[in-house]
């Protein structure tokens, strides 16, 4: 892995990385378990994610794009999301929504990260932990007047030859 990132033993069970963006770049297989406490339902999202350079009109940014299938109660169908990443000189990543609004700062240098985000009446608690050189776990706990859910995601790095993006007219397809 050499120049991509350097991982060492970390605190709180996480493996330290020297540069968050260098660690998250590339393709990932993901598996997300969802628990909606308000509705009493559970679901699962499985798919792929890719962290790749953004289009030229967004210099210095990277796109996090995920696509897959969501199975939630009686629903089964395609789902996805996009975020924007901007590496910072200190080794952290500024995470923004696809429309550019700030979301949170991701700092995996200690092997784990915690962040909070207020979105109107909703409160997001985010936790990330580097489990191994090619394994990352995310936990999103969201509470608000209309939301009460937990999302736990395991991301396993895909071999480099599988981390290809096939752009279509909308630029969203990940394989």
Protein backbone atom coordinates (compact mmCIF):
# COMPACT_ATOMS: atom_id res chain seq x y z
CA UNK A 1 0.00 0.00 0.00
CA UNK A 2 3.09 2.17 0.45
CA UNK A 3 2.42 5.66 -0.87
CA UNK A 4 -1.39 5.49 -0.62
CA UNK A 5 -1.41 5.60 3.16
CA UNK A 6 0.48 4.33 6.14
CA UNK A 7 -1.44 2.46 8.81
CA UNK A 8 -0.24 1.82 12.34
CA UNK A 9 -1.86 0.65 15.59
CA UNK A 10 -4.41 3.16 16.84
CA UNK A 11 -6.60 4.09 19.75
CA UNK A 12 -10.05 2.71 20.43
CA UNK A 13 -9.43 -0.39 18.31
CA UNK A 14 -8.84 1.64 15.17
CA UNK A 15 -5.79 1.57 12.94
CA UNK A 16 -4.15 4.95 12.48
CA UNK A 17 -3.71 6.37 8.99
CA UNK A 18 -1.48 9.29 8.05
CA UNK A 19 -3.83 10.83 5.48
CA UNK A 20 -7.60 10.33 5.50
CA UNK A 21 -8.17 11.07 1.80
CA UNK A 22 -5.33 8.76 0.74
CA UNK A 23 -6.91 6.01 2.82
CA UNK A 24 -10.47 6.34 1.48
CA UNK A 25 -9.60 6.80 -2.22
CA UNK A 26 -10.58 4.01 -4.58
CA UNK A 27 -13.30 1.41 -4.78
CA UNK A 28 -15.16 -0.22 -1.90
CA UNK A 29 -17.70 -3.01 -1.49
CA UNK A 30 -20.26 -1.96 1.10
CA UNK A 31 -22.85 -3.59 3.30
CA UNK A 32 -25.16 -1.36 5.38
CA UNK A 33 -27.62 -2.54 8.01
CA UNK A 34 -30.43 -0.09 8.78
CA UNK A 35 -32.65 -0.05 11.85
CA UNK A 36 -35.61 2.34 11.89
CA UNK A 37 -36.60 2.53 15.55
CA UNK A 38 -39.66 4.69 14.90
CA UNK A 39 -41.20 2.28 12.36
CA UNK A 40 -39.79 -0.88 13.97
CA UNK A 41 -38.27 -1.99 10.65
CA UNK A 42 -34.88 -3.23 9.52
CA UNK A 43 -33.30 -3.12 6.11
CA UNK A 44 -30.10 -3.63 4.21
CA UNK A 45 -28.21 -1.78 1.49
CA UNK A 46 -25.52 -3.62 -0.45
CA UNK A 47 -23.45 -2.17 -3.23
CA UNK A 48 -20.30 -0.39 -4.25
CA UNK A 49 -18.70 2.95 -3.46
CA UNK A 50 -16.00 4.86 -5.27
CA UNK A 51 -13.93 7.84 -4.15
CA UNK A 52 -12.58 9.35 -7.36
CA UNK A 53 -11.46 12.78 -8.58
CA UNK A 54 -14.30 15.22 -9.15
CA UNK A 55 -14.98 16.74 -12.58
CA UNK A 56 -12.60 19.54 -13.67
CA UNK A 57 -15.11 22.23 -12.65
CA UNK A 58 -14.57 21.15 -8.98
CA UNK A 59 -10.75 21.37 -8.66
CA UNK A 60 -9.23 19.75 -5.59
CA UNK A 61 -12.39 17.80 -4.81
CA UNK A 62 -13.17 14.11 -4.86
CA UNK A 63 -16.56 12.47 -5.31
CA UNK A 64 -17.84 9.73 -3.02
CA UNK A 65 -20.44 7.84 -5.06
CA UNK A 66 -22.29 4.77 -3.89
CA UNK A 67 -24.81 2.64 -5.74
CA UNK A 68 -26.50 -0.59 -4.90
CA UNK A 69 -29.74 -2.20 -3.83
CA UNK A 70 -31.83 -1.22 -0.83
CA UNK A 71 -34.12 -3.80 0.75
CA UNK A 72 -36.31 -2.22 3.39
CA UNK A 73 -39.57 -3.81 4.51
CA UNK A 74 -41.47 -4.61 1.28
CA UNK A 75 -39.28 -2.30 -0.83
CA UNK A 76 -36.40 -3.61 -2.94
CA UNK A 77 -34.76 -1.38 -5.50
CA UNK A 78 -31.77 0.67 -6.59
CA UNK A 79 -30.39 3.34 -4.27
CA UNK A 80 -27.35 5.54 -3.99
CA UNK A 81 -25.88 8.76 -2.72
CA UNK A 82 -23.11 11.20 -3.50
CA UNK A 83 -20.90 13.27 -1.25
CA UNK A 84 -18.01 15.62 -2.01
CA UNK A 85 -14.63 15.20 -0.30
CA UNK A 86 -11.90 17.80 -0.04
CA UNK A 87 -8.58 16.77 1.46
CA UNK A 88 -7.08 19.23 3.92
CA UNK A 89 -3.35 19.91 4.53
CA UNK A 90 -3.60 18.43 8.05
CA UNK A 91 -4.70 14.99 6.75
CA UNK A 92 -8.44 15.42 7.37
CA UNK A 93 -11.27 15.54 4.82
CA UNK A 94 -14.01 18.14 4.61
CA UNK A 95 -17.16 16.20 3.69
CA UNK A 96 -19.90 18.09 1.87
CA UNK A 97 -23.28 17.13 0.53
CA UNK A 98 -23.51 16.71 -3.25
CA UNK A 99 -24.84 20.29 -3.53
CA UNK A 100 -21.77 21.66 -1.71
CA UNK A 101 -23.28 22.33 1.72
CA UNK A 102 -20.91 21.45 4.61
CA UNK A 103 -21.61 18.14 6.36
CA UNK A 104 -18.72 17.20 8.68
CA UNK A 105 -14.94 16.78 8.96
CA UNK A 106 -13.62 13.22 8.66
CA UNK A 107 -10.37 12.61 10.54
CA UNK A 108 -9.19 8.99 10.52
CA UNK A 109 -5.61 9.75 11.56
CA UNK A 110 -6.15 8.24 15.04
CA UNK A 111 -7.96 5.22 13.57
CA UNK A 112 -11.39 6.45 14.55
CA UNK A 113 -13.46 9.58 14.13
CA UNK A 114 -16.59 11.09 15.62
CA UNK A 115 -18.59 13.98 14.24
CA UNK A 116 -21.98 15.59 14.71
CA UNK A 117 -24.20 17.43 12.29
CA UNK A 118 -27.41 19.34 12.87
CA UNK A 119 -29.78 19.29 9.93
CA UNK A 120 -32.85 21.30 10.80
CA UNK A 121 -34.53 19.46 13.65
CA UNK A 122 -32.49 16.30 13.02
CA UNK A 123 -29.24 15.41 14.77
CA UNK A 124 -26.63 13.15 13.16
CA UNK A 125 -23.95 11.39 15.23
CA UNK A 126 -21.31 9.85 12.99
CA UNK A 127 -18.61 7.40 13.99
CA UNK A 128 -15.94 5.88 11.77
CA UNK A 129 -13.35 3.27 12.66
CA UNK A 130 -10.50 1.85 10.59
CA UNK A 131 -10.68 -1.88 11.33
CA UNK A 132 -7.83 -2.93 9.02
CA UNK A 133 -5.84 -1.59 6.08
CA UNK A 134 -8.76 -2.47 3.77
CA UNK A 135 -11.75 -2.31 6.12
CA UNK A 136 -13.69 0.68 7.43
CA UNK A 137 -16.82 0.83 9.59
CA UNK A 138 -19.28 3.74 9.75
CA UNK A 139 -22.12 4.25 12.20
CA UNK A 140 -24.73 6.92 11.68
CA UNK A 141 -27.21 7.51 14.51
CA UNK A 142 -29.91 9.95 13.45
CA UNK A 143 -32.61 11.37 15.71
CA UNK A 144 -35.26 14.01 15.12
CA UNK A 145 -39.00 14.58 15.13
CA UNK A 146 -39.50 12.36 12.07
CA UNK A 147 -36.30 10.26 12.17
CA UNK A 148 -34.90 7.72 14.58
CA UNK A 149 -32.54 5.29 12.91
CA UNK A 150 -29.16 3.60 13.05
CA UNK A 151 -27.10 2.77 9.97
CA UNK A 152 -24.00 0.58 10.35
CA UNK A 153 -21.85 0.21 7.23
CA UNK A 154 -18.87 -2.01 6.56
CA UNK A 155 -16.71 -0.94 3.63
CA UNK A 156 -14.15 -3.40 2.27
CA UNK A 157 -11.62 -2.13 -0.24
CA UNK A 158 -11.95 -3.54 -3.73
CA UNK A 159 -8.82 -4.55 -5.64
CA UNK A 160 -7.59 -1.67 -7.79
CA UNK A 161 -8.51 -3.36 -11.08
CA UNK A 162 -12.15 -3.48 -9.92
CA UNK A 163 -12.29 0.15 -8.84
CA UNK A 164 -13.46 1.55 -12.17
CA UNK A 165 -16.17 4.10 -12.75
CA UNK A 166 -18.22 3.99 -15.92
CA UNK A 167 -19.63 7.44 -16.46
CA UNK A 168 -22.98 7.86 -18.12
CA UNK A 169 -24.80 11.06 -18.95
CA UNK A 170 -25.42 11.67 -15.24
CA UNK A 171 -21.96 10.48 -14.16
CA UNK A 172 -23.31 8.22 -11.40
CA UNK A 173 -22.64 4.61 -12.40
CA UNK A 174 -20.15 2.71 -10.25
CA UNK A 175 -19.02 -0.86 -10.94
